[in-house]
């Protein structure tokens, strides 16, 4: 069976901080309340997404990798990761602020949890007036200062708060403290990992459990990077019908395409699958005499064997993700 551009059935995740924007703005199909995350493409154990279009409908990522190997993920990707899909692709709707948190490195995550670490990036798609993200520390502090702020419930005072607007992009390497603020809707690209160390959660109670959520401060303390950065936001320039770099890390590469009209894409030099996340407008993918449509809030995966196609749109912005 030939491979083709694949859409997956999203997994919708209840979160204490979730809202309704995934349904209202993206027309996601769910009935539950407080859905905070739409897992678009996931190979996480017990949370695998399945194909939702064409002859391969119902197949999981692992089944596809096991059968098609390098033709699906790319030969180099398959050599490195085997049957494990290396990325987790999400849309996140924060009606209320997320906890202040940090993620462990590959080495620590492997030792403690037999998992990948969690390097990730955010692309802001919509933000209410005054909405902000917390990324890193505002000024240099040491471990002792940090513990005092933690004990005194003044941790927010030493965090870097940044007001955001659509298009703002942030890379969150492991060790960098961070949180999505209330009123932010974003696309998230990360390593395949569900390991998060929660260090502060506003003393709130989950209405579903009647309990406060667990904190992980003992685990987090030797993971945190206390060194502040001059800037935390990624700088980039848009260029019509050109892939422009957003975040290129050792774990994934993400470009943005400002699409107007038609462009031909050539992936012969990329030994990897490619994922498109539509973050504005809508577009058509023309491949092998078939048309695959994608609109804002949708995601599609191109198996590695697909090396050329045409993208068309009156106006769209697409995140282009690969290893």
Protein backbone atom coordinates (compact mmCIF):
# COMPACT_ATOMS: atom_id res chain seq x y z
CA UNK A 1 0.00 0.00 0.00
CA UNK A 2 1.36 3.42 -0.97
CA UNK A 3 1.89 6.03 1.71
CA UNK A 4 0.16 9.41 1.39
CA UNK A 5 -0.38 12.57 3.49
CA UNK A 6 -1.94 11.40 6.76
CA UNK A 7 -4.39 13.10 9.09
CA UNK A 8 -4.79 11.72 12.60
CA UNK A 9 -7.74 11.68 14.99
CA UNK A 10 -6.83 14.07 17.82
CA UNK A 11 -6.90 13.06 21.49
CA UNK A 12 -8.59 15.65 23.70
CA UNK A 13 -7.21 16.10 27.20
CA UNK A 14 -9.08 17.49 30.22
CA UNK A 15 -6.97 20.00 32.10
CA UNK A 16 -7.81 21.98 35.22
CA UNK A 17 -6.90 25.11 33.25
CA UNK A 18 -8.57 24.20 29.93
CA UNK A 19 -11.22 26.20 28.06
CA UNK A 20 -13.41 26.10 24.95
CA UNK A 21 -11.26 27.72 22.24
CA UNK A 22 -10.25 24.44 20.61
CA UNK A 23 -13.92 23.89 19.89
CA UNK A 24 -14.92 27.49 19.22
CA UNK A 25 -12.00 28.54 17.00
CA UNK A 26 -10.89 25.22 15.47
CA UNK A 27 -14.21 23.31 15.42
CA UNK A 28 -12.67 20.41 17.32
CA UNK A 29 -15.25 17.72 17.97
CA UNK A 30 -15.66 17.05 21.68
CA UNK A 31 -18.39 17.47 24.29
CA UNK A 32 -16.35 17.57 27.50
CA UNK A 33 -15.60 20.79 29.37
CA UNK A 34 -12.16 22.20 30.24
CA UNK A 35 -10.32 20.59 27.33
CA UNK A 36 -6.85 22.09 27.46
CA UNK A 37 -4.94 20.05 24.90
CA UNK A 38 -5.55 18.51 21.51
CA UNK A 39 -2.88 15.88 20.93
CA UNK A 40 -2.68 15.98 17.15
CA UNK A 41 0.06 13.43 16.54
CA UNK A 42 1.16 11.27 19.45
CA UNK A 43 3.18 8.11 19.88
CA UNK A 44 3.00 8.27 23.70
CA UNK A 45 2.30 4.83 25.15
CA UNK A 46 -1.44 4.34 25.76
CA UNK A 47 -2.07 7.69 24.03
CA UNK A 48 -1.33 6.90 20.40
CA UNK A 49 -3.24 8.79 17.73
CA UNK A 50 -4.68 6.83 14.79
CA UNK A 51 -4.95 7.71 11.11
CA UNK A 52 -8.25 9.34 10.19
CA UNK A 53 -8.12 9.42 6.38
CA UNK A 54 -7.65 7.05 3.46
CA UNK A 55 -6.80 3.32 3.27
CA UNK A 56 -4.64 3.42 6.42
CA UNK A 57 -7.47 4.78 8.59
CA UNK A 58 -7.33 3.28 12.10
CA UNK A 59 -3.58 2.52 12.04
CA UNK A 60 -1.43 3.82 14.90
CA UNK A 61 1.92 5.54 14.51
CA UNK A 62 3.71 2.48 15.84
CA UNK A 63 1.97 0.20 13.37
CA UNK A 64 3.00 2.51 10.54
CA UNK A 65 6.63 2.74 11.70
CA UNK A 66 6.84 -1.03 12.23
CA UNK A 67 5.56 -1.71 8.71
CA UNK A 68 7.10 1.09 6.66
CA UNK A 69 10.19 1.96 8.73
CA UNK A 70 12.38 4.50 6.91
CA UNK A 71 9.79 5.09 4.21
CA UNK A 72 7.55 6.49 6.92
CA UNK A 73 9.86 8.34 9.34
CA UNK A 74 13.09 8.56 7.34
CA UNK A 75 16.04 6.15 7.40
CA UNK A 76 18.19 8.21 9.78
CA UNK A 77 15.22 8.83 12.09
CA UNK A 78 14.43 5.10 12.16
CA UNK A 79 18.06 4.22 12.88
CA UNK A 80 18.06 6.61 15.85
CA UNK A 81 14.59 6.05 17.34
CA UNK A 82 13.50 2.61 16.09
CA UNK A 83 9.74 2.16 16.38
CA UNK A 84 9.31 5.15 18.71
CA UNK A 85 7.86 8.29 17.11
CA UNK A 86 10.11 11.13 18.36
CA UNK A 87 7.70 14.10 18.45
CA UNK A 88 4.45 15.02 20.18
CA UNK A 89 2.35 17.65 18.39
CA UNK A 90 -0.32 19.63 20.27
CA UNK A 91 -2.62 22.61 20.30
CA UNK A 92 -3.06 24.09 23.80
CA UNK A 93 -5.86 26.32 25.13
CA UNK A 94 -5.17 27.91 28.51
CA UNK A 95 -8.32 29.53 29.92
CA UNK A 96 -6.50 29.73 33.25
CA UNK A 97 -2.74 29.80 33.87
CA UNK A 98 -0.78 26.57 33.78
CA UNK A 99 1.40 25.59 36.71
CA UNK A 100 4.96 26.88 36.89
CA UNK A 101 6.97 23.91 35.67
CA UNK A 102 10.24 22.58 34.27
CA UNK A 103 11.22 19.54 32.22
CA UNK A 104 14.20 17.22 32.76
CA UNK A 105 16.98 16.63 30.23
CA UNK A 106 17.26 13.48 28.14
CA UNK A 107 19.84 12.06 30.53
CA UNK A 108 17.84 12.69 33.72
CA UNK A 109 14.55 11.63 32.13
CA UNK A 110 16.15 8.40 30.93
CA UNK A 111 17.62 7.65 34.35
CA UNK A 112 14.53 8.54 36.40
CA UNK A 113 11.62 7.72 34.07
CA UNK A 114 13.02 5.69 31.14
CA UNK A 115 11.74 8.50 28.92
CA UNK A 116 12.96 11.16 26.54
CA UNK A 117 13.50 14.61 27.99
CA UNK A 118 11.10 17.34 26.96
CA UNK A 119 12.55 20.12 24.85
CA UNK A 120 9.65 22.03 23.30
CA UNK A 121 8.57 25.17 21.48
CA UNK A 122 5.47 27.38 21.44
CA UNK A 123 3.91 29.35 18.59
CA UNK A 124 1.18 31.71 19.81
CA UNK A 125 -1.96 31.52 17.63
CA UNK A 126 -4.33 33.71 19.64
CA UNK A 127 -4.01 35.72 22.84
CA UNK A 128 -6.56 37.66 24.85
CA UNK A 129 -5.71 41.24 25.69
CA UNK A 130 -2.95 41.34 28.29
CA UNK A 131 -2.24 37.59 28.09
CA UNK A 132 1.28 36.53 28.90
CA UNK A 133 3.71 33.65 29.11
CA UNK A 134 6.23 32.97 31.85
CA UNK A 135 9.60 31.95 30.44
CA UNK A 136 12.79 31.72 32.48
CA UNK A 137 14.03 33.93 35.31
CA UNK A 138 13.96 37.73 35.12
CA UNK A 139 17.34 38.14 36.80
CA UNK A 140 20.12 35.94 38.13
CA UNK A 141 19.32 34.07 41.34
CA UNK A 142 20.94 31.11 43.04
CA UNK A 143 19.50 27.93 44.46
CA UNK A 144 19.18 29.38 47.97
CA UNK A 145 17.28 32.46 46.75
CA UNK A 146 15.01 30.27 44.70
CA UNK A 147 14.14 28.07 47.68
CA UNK A 148 13.32 31.15 49.78
CA UNK A 149 10.94 32.44 47.10
CA UNK A 150 9.37 28.99 46.86
CA UNK A 151 8.83 28.86 50.62
CA UNK A 152 7.41 32.40 50.72
CA UNK A 153 5.08 31.91 47.74
CA UNK A 154 6.86 34.73 45.88
CA UNK A 155 8.20 32.66 43.00
CA UNK A 156 6.23 34.66 40.43
CA UNK A 157 8.19 37.76 41.44
CA UNK A 158 11.44 36.42 39.99
CA UNK A 159 10.00 34.94 36.77
CA UNK A 160 10.20 36.62 33.37
CA UNK A 161 6.64 37.58 32.31
CA UNK A 162 6.12 38.42 28.63
CA UNK A 163 2.96 39.82 27.03
CA UNK A 164 2.27 37.93 23.81
CA UNK A 165 0.48 38.28 20.48
CA UNK A 166 -0.15 35.89 17.55
CA UNK A 167 3.07 34.82 15.87
CA UNK A 168 5.26 35.08 18.98
CA UNK A 169 7.51 32.04 19.23
CA UNK A 170 9.48 30.61 22.16
CA UNK A 171 11.91 27.70 22.46
CA UNK A 172 11.75 26.00 25.86
CA UNK A 173 14.83 23.83 26.41
CA UNK A 174 14.92 21.41 29.31
CA UNK A 175 15.77 23.18 32.57
CA UNK A 176 14.01 26.43 31.64
CA UNK A 177 11.17 27.25 34.02
CA UNK A 178 7.98 28.21 32.18
CA UNK A 179 4.18 28.48 32.17
CA UNK A 180 1.45 29.38 29.71
CA UNK A 181 -0.69 32.22 31.03
CA UNK A 182 -4.47 32.59 30.96
CA UNK A 183 -5.98 33.50 27.60
CA UNK A 184 -3.28 32.01 25.37
CA UNK A 185 -3.93 29.54 22.52
CA UNK A 186 -0.81 28.05 20.98
CA UNK A 187 0.77 25.28 18.94
CA UNK A 188 3.32 23.16 20.80
CA UNK A 189 5.99 20.94 19.31
CA UNK A 190 7.95 18.76 21.70
CA UNK A 191 9.90 15.57 22.14
CA UNK A 192 7.75 12.52 22.82
CA UNK A 193 7.59 12.79 26.59
CA UNK A 194 4.91 13.41 29.19
CA UNK A 195 7.36 14.18 32.02
CA UNK A 196 6.68 17.51 33.75
CA UNK A 197 7.93 18.71 37.13
CA UNK A 198 5.32 21.03 38.63
CA UNK A 199 6.84 23.53 41.08
CA UNK A 200 3.98 25.97 41.78
CA UNK A 201 0.24 25.66 41.11
CA UNK A 202 -1.43 28.68 42.74
CA UNK A 203 -2.71 26.48 45.62
CA UNK A 204 -5.72 25.60 43.46
CA UNK A 205 -7.94 22.55 43.75
CA UNK A 206 -8.97 20.33 40.84
CA UNK A 207 -12.78 20.28 40.81
CA UNK A 208 -12.76 16.75 39.41
CA UNK A 209 -10.72 15.29 42.27
CA UNK A 210 -11.28 17.83 45.04
CA UNK A 211 -7.51 17.78 45.60
CA UNK A 212 -4.54 20.01 44.97
CA UNK A 213 -2.27 18.71 42.22
CA UNK A 214 1.03 17.09 43.16
CA UNK A 215 4.17 19.24 43.18
CA UNK A 216 7.60 17.87 42.26
CA UNK A 217 10.02 20.29 43.87
CA UNK A 218 12.53 17.70 45.04
CA UNK A 219 12.82 16.37 41.50
CA UNK A 220 12.92 19.85 39.96
CA UNK A 221 15.61 21.48 42.08
CA UNK A 222 18.60 19.91 40.31
CA UNK A 223 17.01 20.33 36.88
CA UNK A 224 16.43 24.11 36.95
CA UNK A 225 18.66 26.46 34.99
CA UNK A 226 18.81 29.68 37.04
CA UNK A 227 20.74 31.70 34.45
CA UNK A 228 18.57 34.44 32.84
CA UNK A 229 18.66 35.18 29.11
CA UNK A 230 18.73 38.60 27.44
CA UNK A 231 15.68 37.57 25.41
CA UNK A 232 13.52 34.48 25.43
CA UNK A 233 11.48 35.10 22.29
CA UNK A 234 12.66 33.74 18.94
CA UNK A 235 13.30 36.37 16.29
CA UNK A 236 12.29 35.61 12.71
CA UNK A 237 11.12 37.30 9.54
CA UNK A 238 8.29 36.19 7.29
CA UNK A 239 8.88 35.86 3.54
CA UNK A 240 5.98 34.96 1.25
CA UNK A 241 6.10 31.38 -0.09
CA UNK A 242 9.42 30.64 1.63
CA UNK A 243 10.27 28.36 4.55
CA UNK A 244 11.75 30.64 7.20
CA UNK A 245 13.45 29.24 10.30
CA UNK A 246 11.56 29.52 13.60
CA UNK A 247 13.35 27.04 15.87
CA UNK A 248 16.16 24.70 14.80
CA UNK A 249 17.21 22.52 17.73
CA UNK A 250 18.97 19.14 18.05
CA UNK A 251 15.53 17.55 18.61
CA UNK A 252 13.38 19.07 15.86
CA UNK A 253 13.35 21.80 13.26
CA UNK A 254 10.42 24.12 12.72
CA UNK A 255 10.00 26.61 9.89
CA UNK A 256 7.09 28.89 9.05
CA UNK A 257 5.62 29.24 5.55
CA UNK A 258 3.65 32.40 4.76
CA UNK A 259 1.66 30.91 1.89
CA UNK A 260 -0.02 33.01 -0.79
CA UNK A 261 -0.70 31.33 -4.13
CA UNK A 262 1.13 28.12 -5.03
CA UNK A 263 4.56 26.74 -4.20
CA UNK A 264 6.29 23.46 -4.96
CA UNK A 265 8.05 21.77 -2.05
CA UNK A 266 11.07 19.51 -2.54
CA UNK A 267 12.07 17.31 0.41
CA UNK A 268 14.68 15.13 -1.29
CA UNK A 269 17.37 16.53 1.02
CA UNK A 270 15.39 15.86 4.23
CA UNK A 271 15.61 12.28 5.52
CA UNK A 272 12.59 12.67 7.79
CA UNK A 273 8.82 12.80 7.90
CA UNK A 274 7.42 16.35 7.67
CA UNK A 275 4.48 17.67 9.71
CA UNK A 276 2.38 20.65 8.69
CA UNK A 277 0.48 22.53 11.40
CA UNK A 278 -1.88 25.13 9.94
CA UNK A 279 -1.81 28.12 12.29
CA UNK A 280 -3.79 30.55 10.13
CA UNK A 281 -6.06 30.35 7.09
CA UNK A 282 -6.42 27.17 5.03
CA UNK A 283 -4.44 25.41 2.35
CA UNK A 284 -4.47 22.50 -0.09
CA UNK A 285 -1.75 19.87 -0.54
CA UNK A 286 -1.58 18.48 -4.06
CA UNK A 287 0.16 15.11 -4.12
CA UNK A 288 0.00 12.26 -6.62
CA UNK A 289 -3.08 13.76 -8.32
CA UNK A 290 -4.94 13.98 -5.00
CA UNK A 291 -5.84 17.06 -2.96
CA UNK A 292 -5.57 17.08 0.84
CA UNK A 293 -7.05 20.08 2.62
CA UNK A 294 -5.88 21.59 5.90
CA UNK A 295 -7.26 24.54 7.85
CA UNK A 296 -6.31 26.50 10.97
CA UNK A 297 -6.08 24.11 13.90
CA UNK A 298 -5.40 21.03 11.75
CA UNK A 299 -2.28 18.94 11.28
CA UNK A 300 -1.11 16.60 8.54
CA UNK A 301 1.94 14.30 8.32
CA UNK A 302 3.93 13.65 5.18
CA UNK A 303 5.71 10.27 5.29
CA UNK A 304 9.41 10.53 4.45
CA UNK A 305 8.92 8.82 1.09
CA UNK A 306 6.96 11.87 -0.11
CA UNK A 307 9.66 14.14 -1.50
CA UNK A 308 7.65 16.58 -3.62
CA UNK A 309 4.21 18.19 -3.57
CA UNK A 310 2.47 21.48 -4.22
CA UNK A 311 0.94 23.76 -1.60
CA UNK A 312 -1.75 26.26 -2.56
CA UNK A 313 -3.72 28.87 -0.64
CA UNK A 314 -5.19 32.34 -0.93
CA UNK A 315 -3.61 33.00 2.47
CA UNK A 316 -2.27 30.63 5.13
CA UNK A 317 0.54 30.24 7.61
CA UNK A 318 1.93 26.77 8.17
CA UNK A 319 4.48 25.42 10.62
CA UNK A 320 6.75 22.94 8.84
CA UNK A 321 8.26 20.45 11.32
CA UNK A 322 10.81 17.68 10.80
CA UNK A 323 13.76 15.96 12.48
